Protein backbone atom coordinates (compact mmCIF):
# COMPACT_ATOMS: atom_id res chain seq x y z
CA MET A 1 257.76 -9.70 32.07
CA VAL A 2 254.07 -10.70 31.87
CA SER A 3 251.92 -9.21 34.58
CA VAL A 4 249.77 -11.41 36.88
CA GLU A 5 246.58 -9.69 35.72
CA LYS A 6 247.38 -10.41 32.09
CA SER A 7 248.16 -14.06 32.78
CA THR A 8 244.78 -14.64 34.36
CA THR A 9 242.93 -13.08 31.44
CA ASP A 10 245.06 -14.12 28.49
CA PRO A 11 243.20 -16.90 26.56
CA LYS A 12 246.44 -18.50 25.37
CA PHE A 13 247.73 -18.72 28.89
CA LEU A 14 244.49 -20.27 30.14
CA LEU A 15 244.45 -22.80 27.30
CA ALA A 16 248.01 -23.84 27.96
CA ASN A 17 247.19 -24.23 31.65
CA ARG A 18 244.14 -26.45 30.87
CA LEU A 19 246.19 -28.58 28.50
CA GLY A 20 248.70 -29.13 31.26
CA GLU A 21 245.98 -30.24 33.63
CA ILE A 22 244.54 -32.62 30.98
CA ARG A 23 247.96 -34.17 30.44
CA ALA A 24 248.25 -34.75 34.17
CA TYR A 25 244.79 -36.41 34.31
CA SER A 26 245.50 -38.58 31.25
CA SER A 27 248.70 -39.79 32.83
CA SER A 28 246.78 -40.74 35.99
CA LEU A 29 244.04 -42.41 33.94
CA ALA A 30 246.55 -44.49 32.01
CA SER A 31 248.16 -45.53 35.26
CA PHE A 32 244.71 -46.43 36.70
CA THR A 33 243.85 -48.49 33.60
CA LEU A 34 247.06 -50.45 33.91
CA GLN A 35 246.39 -51.04 37.62
CA TRP A 36 242.83 -52.25 36.92
CA LYS A 37 244.06 -54.75 34.34
CA ASP A 38 246.55 -56.00 36.88
CA LEU A 39 243.71 -56.43 39.40
CA GLU A 40 241.61 -58.35 36.87
CA GLN A 41 244.48 -60.70 36.16
CA LEU A 42 245.04 -61.17 39.87
CA PHE A 43 241.36 -62.02 40.49
CA GLU A 44 241.36 -64.48 37.57
CA SER A 45 244.46 -66.14 38.96
CA ILE A 46 242.90 -66.41 42.42
CA GLN A 47 239.65 -67.86 40.97
CA SER A 48 241.60 -70.41 38.96
CA SER A 49 243.53 -71.45 42.06
CA VAL A 50 240.31 -71.80 44.07
CA ASP A 51 238.75 -73.95 41.33
CA ASP A 52 241.82 -76.16 41.18
CA CYS A 53 241.78 -76.60 44.96
CA PHE A 54 238.06 -77.45 44.92
CA ASP A 55 238.55 -80.04 42.16
CA ASP A 56 241.43 -81.56 44.08
CA LEU A 57 239.39 -81.76 47.29
CA ARG A 58 236.48 -83.35 45.43
CA ALA A 59 238.77 -85.95 43.89
CA ARG A 60 240.28 -86.73 47.30
CA GLN A 61 236.80 -87.07 48.83
CA LYS A 62 235.79 -89.50 46.08
CA ARG A 63 238.90 -91.62 46.69
CA ILE A 64 238.23 -91.64 50.43
CA THR A 65 234.58 -92.65 49.90
CA GLU A 66 235.53 -95.46 47.53
CA ALA A 67 238.20 -96.71 49.92
CA SER A 68 235.76 -96.63 52.83
CA SER A 69 233.05 -98.48 50.93
CA SER A 70 235.50 -101.19 49.92
CA LEU A 71 236.17 -101.86 53.61
CA VAL A 72 232.45 -102.43 54.35
CA PRO A 73 231.37 -106.01 53.58
CA PRO A 74 228.40 -106.29 51.15
CA LEU A 75 225.02 -107.16 52.59
CA PRO A 76 224.41 -110.91 52.44
CA PRO A 77 221.76 -111.88 49.85
CA THR A 78 218.57 -113.51 50.96
CA ALA A 79 218.40 -117.29 50.82
CA LEU A 80 216.31 -117.19 47.64
CA LYS A 81 218.70 -114.78 45.93
CA TYR A 82 221.65 -116.96 46.92
CA LEU A 83 219.98 -120.04 45.46
CA CYS A 84 219.19 -118.16 42.25
CA LEU A 85 222.73 -116.78 41.96
CA ASN A 86 224.03 -120.33 42.18
CA MET A 87 221.40 -121.72 39.76
CA ASP A 88 220.31 -124.22 42.43
CA GLY A 89 216.93 -125.30 41.04
CA LYS A 90 216.32 -128.09 43.52
CA GLY A 91 217.23 -125.94 46.51
CA LEU A 92 215.06 -123.10 45.22
CA ARG A 93 212.07 -125.40 44.76
CA LEU A 94 212.39 -126.95 48.24
CA SER A 95 212.89 -123.56 49.92
CA LEU A 96 209.90 -122.07 48.12
CA THR A 97 207.67 -125.01 48.97
CA GLU A 98 208.32 -124.43 52.67
CA LYS A 99 207.80 -120.67 52.34
CA ILE A 100 204.49 -121.20 50.58
CA LYS A 101 203.32 -123.55 53.34
CA GLU A 102 204.09 -120.88 55.93
CA HIS A 103 203.03 -117.70 54.16
CA GLY A 104 201.03 -118.69 51.07
CA PRO A 105 202.08 -117.99 47.46
CA PHE A 106 200.69 -114.47 47.11
CA SER A 107 202.70 -112.92 49.96
CA ILE A 108 206.07 -113.93 48.46
CA GLU A 109 205.49 -113.16 44.77
CA ASP A 110 207.62 -110.00 44.78
CA GLU A 111 210.42 -111.71 46.69
CA VAL A 112 210.47 -114.56 44.19
CA SER A 113 210.51 -112.32 41.10
CA ALA A 114 213.28 -110.21 42.64
CA ALA A 115 215.33 -113.31 43.43
CA LEU A 116 214.91 -114.75 39.93
CA SER A 117 216.34 -111.59 38.41
CA PHE A 118 219.66 -112.41 40.15
CA ALA A 119 219.99 -115.73 38.34
CA PRO A 120 222.48 -115.84 35.44
CA ASP A 121 219.80 -117.65 33.39
CA PRO A 122 216.35 -117.38 35.06
CA ALA A 123 214.60 -119.33 32.29
CA MET A 124 216.96 -122.29 32.63
CA LEU A 125 216.77 -122.15 36.43
CA VAL A 126 212.96 -122.35 36.44
CA LEU A 127 213.03 -125.11 33.85
CA ASP A 128 215.26 -127.14 36.19
CA THR A 129 212.67 -126.85 38.96
CA LEU A 130 209.84 -128.23 36.81
CA VAL A 131 211.07 -131.82 36.59
CA VAL A 132 208.87 -132.79 39.56
CA PHE A 133 205.62 -131.43 38.16
CA TYR A 134 205.03 -135.00 36.98
CA PRO A 135 207.16 -136.97 39.48
CA ARG A 136 208.60 -140.34 38.54
CA LYS A 137 207.53 -141.83 41.86
CA ARG A 138 203.98 -141.56 43.07
CA LYS A 139 203.48 -138.80 45.64
CA HIS A 140 200.83 -138.17 48.22
CA ARG A 141 198.12 -135.89 46.86
CA ILE A 142 198.93 -133.06 49.30
CA GLU A 143 202.66 -133.29 48.61
CA LEU A 144 202.05 -133.20 44.87
CA PHE A 145 199.74 -130.21 45.32
CA ASP A 146 202.46 -128.30 47.23
CA THR A 147 205.08 -129.12 44.61
CA ARG A 148 202.88 -128.02 41.72
CA ARG A 149 201.89 -124.84 43.49
CA THR A 150 205.60 -123.98 43.73
CA CYS A 151 206.15 -124.70 40.04
CA ILE A 152 203.17 -122.58 39.07
CA LEU A 153 204.45 -119.67 41.18
CA LEU A 154 207.87 -119.86 39.53
CA LEU A 155 206.35 -119.88 36.04
CA GLU A 156 204.15 -116.89 36.88
CA GLN A 157 207.11 -114.89 38.20
CA LEU A 158 209.29 -115.86 35.23
CA MET A 159 206.67 -114.29 32.97
CA LYS A 160 206.65 -111.21 35.19
CA ILE A 161 210.37 -110.45 34.82
CA SER A 162 210.37 -111.05 31.03
CA ALA A 163 213.63 -112.99 31.15
CA LYS A 164 215.68 -113.58 28.02
CA ILE A 165 215.27 -117.14 26.75
CA GLY A 166 218.01 -118.73 24.69
CA PRO A 167 217.37 -121.15 21.79
CA SER A 168 218.58 -124.21 23.70
CA VAL A 169 216.33 -123.40 26.67
CA THR A 170 213.38 -122.85 24.31
CA GLU A 171 213.96 -126.26 22.76
CA LYS A 172 214.11 -127.97 26.17
CA ALA A 173 210.92 -126.20 27.26
CA LYS A 174 209.21 -127.28 24.04
CA ASN A 175 210.12 -130.93 24.65
CA LEU A 176 208.89 -130.66 28.24
CA ALA A 177 205.59 -129.17 27.07
CA ILE A 178 205.05 -132.07 24.65
CA GLU A 179 205.83 -134.51 27.46
CA TRP A 180 203.36 -132.81 29.82
CA LYS A 181 200.69 -132.78 27.14
CA GLY A 182 200.95 -136.56 26.81
CA LYS A 183 200.75 -137.08 30.56
CA LEU A 184 197.81 -134.72 30.93
CA GLU A 185 195.47 -137.14 29.14
CA GLY A 186 195.62 -139.56 32.07
CA GLU A 187 195.59 -136.85 34.72
CA LYS A 188 192.94 -136.91 37.42
CA ASP A 189 193.57 -133.31 38.45
CA TYR A 190 193.42 -132.15 34.85
CA SER A 191 192.71 -128.53 35.79
CA THR A 192 196.04 -128.02 37.60
CA GLY A 193 197.88 -130.01 34.93
CA ALA A 194 196.39 -127.90 32.15
CA LEU A 195 197.17 -124.69 34.03
CA GLY A 196 200.79 -125.74 34.48
CA LEU A 197 201.09 -126.61 30.79
CA LEU A 198 199.59 -123.30 29.66
CA LEU A 199 201.90 -121.38 32.00
CA LEU A 200 204.85 -123.30 30.59
CA LEU A 201 203.80 -122.41 27.03
CA ALA A 202 203.27 -118.74 27.91
CA ALA A 203 206.42 -118.31 30.01
CA TYR A 204 208.65 -119.78 27.29
CA GLU A 205 206.74 -118.22 24.37
CA LEU A 206 205.63 -121.52 22.88
CA GLY A 207 202.19 -120.55 21.61
CA CYS A 208 202.68 -122.34 18.28
CA VAL A 209 203.64 -125.77 19.65
CA PHE A 210 200.09 -127.16 19.60
CA PRO A 211 197.20 -126.60 17.14
CA VAL A 212 194.61 -123.99 18.07
CA ASN A 213 191.88 -126.57 18.71
CA GLN A 214 194.11 -128.32 21.26
CA MET A 215 194.89 -124.99 22.91
CA LEU A 216 191.19 -124.25 23.23
CA ASP A 217 190.70 -127.68 24.80
CA LEU A 218 193.31 -126.76 27.41
CA PHE A 219 191.63 -123.44 28.14
CA GLU A 220 188.31 -125.20 28.53
CA MET A 221 189.87 -126.97 31.54
CA VAL A 222 191.10 -123.73 33.16
CA ALA A 223 188.36 -121.26 32.19
CA LEU A 224 187.55 -120.60 35.84
CA HIS A 225 191.15 -119.91 36.89
CA ALA A 226 192.17 -116.32 37.59
CA GLN A 227 195.15 -116.62 35.22
CA ALA A 228 193.04 -117.77 32.27
CA PHE A 229 192.51 -114.33 30.70
CA GLU A 230 196.18 -113.27 30.78
CA LEU A 231 197.32 -116.63 29.44
CA TYR A 232 194.71 -116.53 26.67
CA ARG A 233 196.04 -113.17 25.50
CA ARG A 234 199.71 -114.07 25.90
CA LEU A 235 199.28 -117.17 23.76
CA GLY A 236 197.78 -115.14 20.93
CA LEU A 237 194.26 -116.55 20.95
CA THR A 238 192.31 -113.30 21.24
CA GLU A 239 190.98 -113.56 17.68
CA ARG A 240 189.46 -116.94 18.53
CA VAL A 241 187.72 -115.86 21.72
CA SER A 242 184.25 -115.94 20.13
CA ASP A 243 184.83 -119.54 19.04
CA PHE A 244 186.01 -120.42 22.53
CA ILE A 245 182.98 -118.85 24.21
CA GLN A 246 180.70 -120.74 21.85
CA ILE A 247 182.45 -123.98 22.82
CA LEU A 248 181.84 -123.26 26.50
CA ILE A 249 178.18 -122.48 25.84
CA THR A 250 177.71 -125.61 23.73
CA LYS A 251 179.30 -127.77 26.41
CA ARG A 252 177.06 -126.19 29.04
CA LYS A 253 179.78 -124.40 30.97
CA PRO A 254 177.96 -121.11 31.55
CA ILE A 255 180.17 -119.68 34.31
CA GLY A 256 183.31 -119.92 32.21
CA ALA A 257 181.43 -118.49 29.23
CA ILE A 258 180.18 -115.56 31.32
CA LYS A 259 183.68 -114.75 32.55
CA PHE A 260 185.09 -114.64 29.02
CA ILE A 261 182.10 -112.78 27.60
CA TYR A 262 182.54 -109.90 30.02
CA GLU A 263 186.33 -109.95 30.05
CA PHE A 264 186.44 -109.48 26.29
CA GLY A 265 183.40 -107.17 26.07
CA LEU A 266 181.17 -109.49 24.02
CA ALA A 267 177.91 -109.33 25.97
CA ASP A 268 176.03 -107.90 22.97
CA LYS A 269 177.31 -110.63 20.69
CA PHE A 270 176.21 -113.50 22.94
CA PRO A 271 172.57 -113.21 24.06
CA PRO A 272 172.21 -116.11 26.50
CA PRO A 273 170.62 -119.19 24.94
CA LEU A 274 170.29 -121.03 28.23
CA PRO A 275 168.27 -120.10 31.33
CA SER A 276 171.29 -120.80 33.49
CA LEU A 277 173.49 -118.57 31.33
CA ARG A 278 170.85 -115.84 31.37
CA ALA A 279 170.65 -115.99 35.15
CA GLY A 280 174.43 -115.99 35.37
CA LEU A 281 174.67 -112.92 33.17
CA GLN A 282 172.13 -111.11 35.35
CA CYS A 283 174.21 -111.92 38.42
CA ALA A 284 177.38 -110.79 36.68
CA LYS A 285 175.75 -107.52 35.64
CA ARG A 286 174.58 -106.84 39.20
CA ALA A 287 178.05 -107.66 40.52
CA ASN A 288 179.58 -105.21 38.06
CA GLY A 289 176.99 -102.52 38.83
CA LYS A 290 175.41 -102.65 35.37
CA SER A 291 171.72 -101.95 35.05
CA ALA A 292 171.15 -103.02 31.44
CA GLU A 293 168.70 -105.89 31.03
CA VAL A 294 169.90 -109.21 29.69
CA PRO A 295 168.23 -110.02 26.37
CA SER A 296 166.06 -113.12 26.33
CA ARG A 297 165.24 -115.48 23.52
């Protein structure tokens, strides 16, 4: 029989004892590892269930929102939008004429452009409204002025929204432009007639319908209009601006010449040959805050 004292000091006995303890720990560790893997799987299962529930709730919320929105009637369109949706050119023109009388053209520009964008074919709709620019029956001067002001507003806003223009509409607009050009020759209010024609050409991209010299003749009539610069550029005449300015100077139209000289940055190229033009340039420089002296000849 081994004594107690020997067992506590015998290296073999101590080693065997330690090995027994290690086996016990390893068994516990293996059990713990298996339990931890079980916990991980449980957490993953719970997370997956939570995600599935969240997705289901989100889908239900979307269905409820769509069902609720379908029960709410859509907001009624404005009168102008309704007329545009229905391609009612005559109704649009009459409604706009009254609005312009009440509020003026500038205060409703955004409303008009927004309404035109609702039309299935904005270019065709506006073209339908232009038949009264040159009415078949003689109109009172004020009535004709109101009608043309409406047509001009519609053409301006059609350019603004950059509507798609089909080949058939382009052809109709071209024929209308040729018709207006013939009627313009006997026009008393040639300035408004020329402005309408140039807007028609620009809005429907018809810059090549008439020769350049005829286009410059039209711009000579509207040189003082605020839209003249934009139309001149849109119709591709920028390279001929020096020729146009020279025409205005030759025909003793200094104010129009001044406007185009400064708009296109050609003051150095056109020293004023006329006292009136020189004085006009000095006024224009002062108005623009420029201190440079105007060259004299």
